[in-house]
Amino acid sequence: MNAPIDVSAVTLHTPRLTLRPWQMQDLADFYEYARVDGVGQMAGWLPHKNIEESRTILQMFIASKTQFAIVYNGKVIGSVGVEKYDESFLPEYADKHGRELGFVLSKDYWGQGLMPEAVNAAADYLFEKENLDFLVCCHFIENDRSRRVQEKCGFHHVKQAKYTTRWGEVKDEWISIREK
């Protein structure tokens, strides 16, 4: 079952990164990577059309209290969200507490091992401090970068599902689990 989560007062540190709650002053950094073609599509959303769209989404991130901004050398370069998972896809976990991790990283920082570092930090926090039993992570079948991040972070595929993107395309995705 989905556990209640509030990370609005949580800051995590890794050797290279800080994961912290989003702030309105992150807007320019957020828009900078969210508008780039090829970034959001891998997570089911289209590039942001303008800074006002990014502002609206950033306000939702802050209000949700479930989103970490990833900061590298003083700049926000991505995010890790602690989302509710679709419980109907995983009835075998109904008696355990979990959440779904979603992540995105600026294209400028791909291939440097930063996302596994961020995902592992968030997962460690959620297991150790929030006492979750499991985490869900999903990726489109063709998204090898997300697959590799999830494998490096100890997630294993459990089943395939259909996912409808924000632009209405139905895509095949892997649902993966990491248990405590």
Protein backbone atom coordinates (compact mmCIF):
# COMPACT_ATOMS: atom_id res chain seq x y z
CA MET A 1 0.00 0.00 0.00
CA ASN A 2 1.11 3.56 -0.54
CA ALA A 3 2.74 4.96 2.58
CA PRO A 4 2.26 8.63 3.48
CA ILE A 5 5.40 10.61 2.61
CA ASP A 6 6.45 14.22 3.17
CA VAL A 7 10.00 15.15 2.17
CA SER A 8 9.42 18.91 2.33
CA ALA A 9 11.90 19.26 5.23
CA VAL A 10 14.40 16.58 4.14
CA THR A 11 17.85 17.25 2.69
CA LEU A 12 20.13 14.40 1.63
CA HIS A 13 23.83 14.58 0.73
CA THR A 14 25.94 12.27 -1.39
CA PRO A 15 29.58 12.71 -2.39
CA ARG A 16 28.57 14.90 -5.35
CA LEU A 17 24.91 15.82 -4.90
CA THR A 18 22.38 17.42 -2.61
CA LEU A 19 18.78 16.25 -2.77
CA ARG A 20 16.45 18.82 -1.24
CA PRO A 21 12.92 20.17 -1.56
CA TRP A 22 12.21 22.31 -4.59
CA GLN A 23 12.10 26.10 -4.20
CA MET A 24 10.65 28.75 -6.49
CA GLN A 25 14.15 30.12 -7.10
CA ASP A 26 14.89 26.82 -8.93
CA LEU A 27 12.58 27.84 -11.77
CA ALA A 28 15.25 28.86 -14.31
CA ASP A 29 17.28 25.67 -13.75
CA PHE A 30 14.12 23.55 -13.98
CA TYR A 31 12.98 25.15 -17.22
CA GLU A 32 16.49 24.86 -18.67
CA TYR A 33 16.41 21.05 -18.61
CA ALA A 34 12.63 20.46 -18.83
CA ARG A 35 12.38 22.23 -22.20
CA VAL A 36 14.98 20.00 -23.89
CA ASP A 37 13.68 17.48 -26.39
CA GLY A 38 14.29 13.88 -25.31
CA VAL A 39 14.31 14.48 -21.55
CA GLY A 40 10.65 14.40 -20.51
CA GLN A 41 9.50 11.97 -23.18
CA MET A 42 11.43 9.20 -21.42
CA ALA A 43 9.22 9.83 -18.37
CA GLY A 44 5.94 10.30 -20.23
CA TRP A 45 5.79 14.09 -20.50
CA LEU A 46 6.55 16.53 -23.30
CA PRO A 47 9.19 19.26 -23.20
CA HIS A 48 7.96 22.37 -21.43
CA LYS A 49 6.74 24.97 -23.93
CA ASN A 50 7.60 28.02 -21.83
CA ILE A 51 8.74 29.09 -18.40
CA GLU A 52 5.13 29.56 -17.25
CA GLU A 53 4.46 25.86 -17.79
CA SER A 54 7.56 25.08 -15.71
CA ARG A 55 6.38 27.52 -13.02
CA THR A 56 3.01 25.74 -12.77
CA ILE A 57 4.66 22.33 -12.49
CA LEU A 58 7.23 23.59 -9.99
CA GLN A 59 4.41 24.93 -7.81
CA MET A 60 2.81 21.46 -7.95
CA PHE A 61 6.16 19.86 -6.97
CA ILE A 62 6.45 22.13 -3.96
CA ALA A 63 2.83 21.63 -2.90
CA SER A 64 3.05 17.82 -3.24
CA LYS A 65 5.86 17.60 -0.65
CA THR A 66 7.10 14.47 -2.44
CA GLN A 67 9.75 15.85 -4.83
CA PHE A 68 13.50 16.19 -4.39
CA ALA A 69 15.47 18.64 -6.52
CA ILE A 70 18.89 17.24 -7.45
CA VAL A 71 21.59 19.89 -6.95
CA TYR A 72 25.07 19.53 -8.47
CA ASN A 73 27.66 22.28 -8.10
CA GLY A 74 24.94 24.73 -7.01
CA LYS A 75 22.63 24.04 -9.96
CA VAL A 76 19.40 22.02 -10.06
CA ILE A 77 19.93 19.36 -12.72
CA GLY A 78 17.03 16.97 -12.15
CA SER A 79 14.57 15.49 -9.72
CA VAL A 80 13.57 12.38 -7.82
CA GLY A 81 9.88 12.10 -7.03
CA VAL A 82 8.42 9.84 -4.35
CA GLU A 83 5.11 9.13 -6.04
CA LYS A 84 2.11 6.97 -5.29
CA TYR A 85 2.24 3.73 -7.26
CA ASP A 86 -0.76 2.08 -8.90
CA GLU A 87 -1.71 -0.48 -6.26
CA SER A 88 -3.85 -2.44 -8.75
CA PHE A 89 -0.66 -3.45 -10.62
CA LEU A 90 0.93 -4.94 -7.49
CA PRO A 91 -1.75 -6.60 -5.35
CA GLU A 92 0.88 -8.93 -3.89
CA TYR A 93 2.30 -5.89 -2.00
CA ALA A 94 -1.04 -4.83 -0.46
CA ASP A 95 0.15 -5.66 3.06
CA LYS A 96 3.47 -3.78 2.72
CA HIS A 97 4.33 -0.07 2.69
CA GLY A 98 5.86 1.35 -0.47
CA ARG A 99 6.08 4.18 -2.95
CA GLU A 100 7.20 4.71 -6.54
CA LEU A 101 10.35 6.60 -7.46
CA GLY A 102 10.33 8.69 -10.62
CA PHE A 103 13.41 10.49 -11.82
CA VAL A 104 14.67 12.80 -14.53
CA LEU A 105 18.08 14.30 -15.23
CA SER A 106 19.25 17.13 -17.47
CA LYS A 107 20.70 15.76 -20.72
CA ASP A 108 23.89 17.70 -20.00
CA TYR A 109 24.62 15.34 -17.09
CA TRP A 110 23.74 11.96 -18.57
CA GLY A 111 26.36 9.23 -18.37
CA GLN A 112 28.19 10.50 -15.27
CA GLY A 113 26.66 8.16 -12.68
CA LEU A 114 24.76 11.01 -11.02
CA MET A 115 21.28 9.50 -11.27
CA PRO A 116 22.16 6.18 -9.58
CA GLU A 117 23.79 8.25 -6.82
CA ALA A 118 20.60 10.29 -6.38
CA VAL A 119 18.22 7.30 -6.58
CA ASN A 120 20.27 5.31 -4.06
CA ALA A 121 20.31 8.26 -1.65
CA ALA A 122 16.53 8.63 -1.88
CA ALA A 123 15.99 4.87 -1.54
CA ASP A 124 18.29 4.62 1.48
CA TYR A 125 16.41 7.47 3.16
CA LEU A 126 13.01 5.92 2.41
CA PHE A 127 14.03 2.51 3.74
CA GLU A 128 15.96 3.72 6.79
CA LYS A 129 13.99 6.79 7.92
CA GLU A 130 10.50 6.26 6.48
CA ASN A 131 10.62 2.49 7.09
CA LEU A 132 9.24 1.54 3.68
CA ASP A 133 9.21 -2.15 2.76
CA PHE A 134 9.65 -1.68 -0.99
CA LEU A 135 10.02 0.82 -3.79
CA VAL A 136 8.58 0.67 -7.29
CA CYS A 137 10.33 2.10 -10.32
CA CYS A 138 9.13 1.92 -13.92
CA HIS A 139 10.65 2.56 -17.31
CA PHE A 140 9.51 2.37 -20.89
CA ILE A 141 10.87 -0.80 -22.46
CA GLU A 142 13.01 1.16 -24.93
CA ASN A 143 14.51 3.42 -22.23
CA ASP A 144 17.87 1.73 -21.68
CA ARG A 145 19.22 4.61 -19.56
CA SER A 146 16.46 4.24 -16.96
CA ARG A 147 16.78 0.47 -17.07
CA ARG A 148 20.51 0.72 -16.30
CA VAL A 149 19.94 3.21 -13.46
CA GLN A 150 17.36 0.90 -11.92
CA GLU A 151 19.61 -2.15 -12.25
CA LYS A 152 22.53 -0.29 -10.64
CA CYS A 153 20.19 0.66 -7.77
CA GLY A 154 19.03 -2.90 -7.07
CA PHE A 155 15.62 -2.86 -8.76
CA HIS A 156 14.48 -6.02 -10.57
CA HIS A 157 11.74 -6.37 -13.18
CA VAL A 158 8.54 -7.98 -11.92
CA LYS A 159 6.04 -7.40 -14.73
CA GLN A 160 5.11 -5.44 -17.81
CA ALA A 161 2.25 -2.98 -18.00
CA LYS A 162 0.75 -0.38 -20.30
CA TYR A 163 1.30 3.32 -19.56
CA THR A 164 -0.53 6.21 -21.19
CA THR A 165 1.72 9.23 -21.66
CA ARG A 166 0.53 12.78 -21.10
CA TRP A 167 0.17 13.13 -24.88
CA GLY A 168 -2.05 10.03 -25.09
CA GLU A 169 0.36 7.43 -26.49
CA VAL A 170 0.14 3.98 -24.88
CA LYS A 171 3.58 2.54 -24.21
CA ASP A 172 4.89 -0.70 -22.77
CA GLU A 173 6.73 -0.32 -19.49
CA TRP A 174 8.57 -2.52 -17.03
CA ILE A 175 7.53 -2.34 -13.39
CA SER A 176 10.52 -2.98 -11.16
CA ILE A 177 10.81 -3.48 -7.40
CA ARG A 178 13.51 -2.96 -4.80
CA GLU A 179 12.77 -4.43 -1.40
CA LYS A 180 14.23 -3.40 1.93
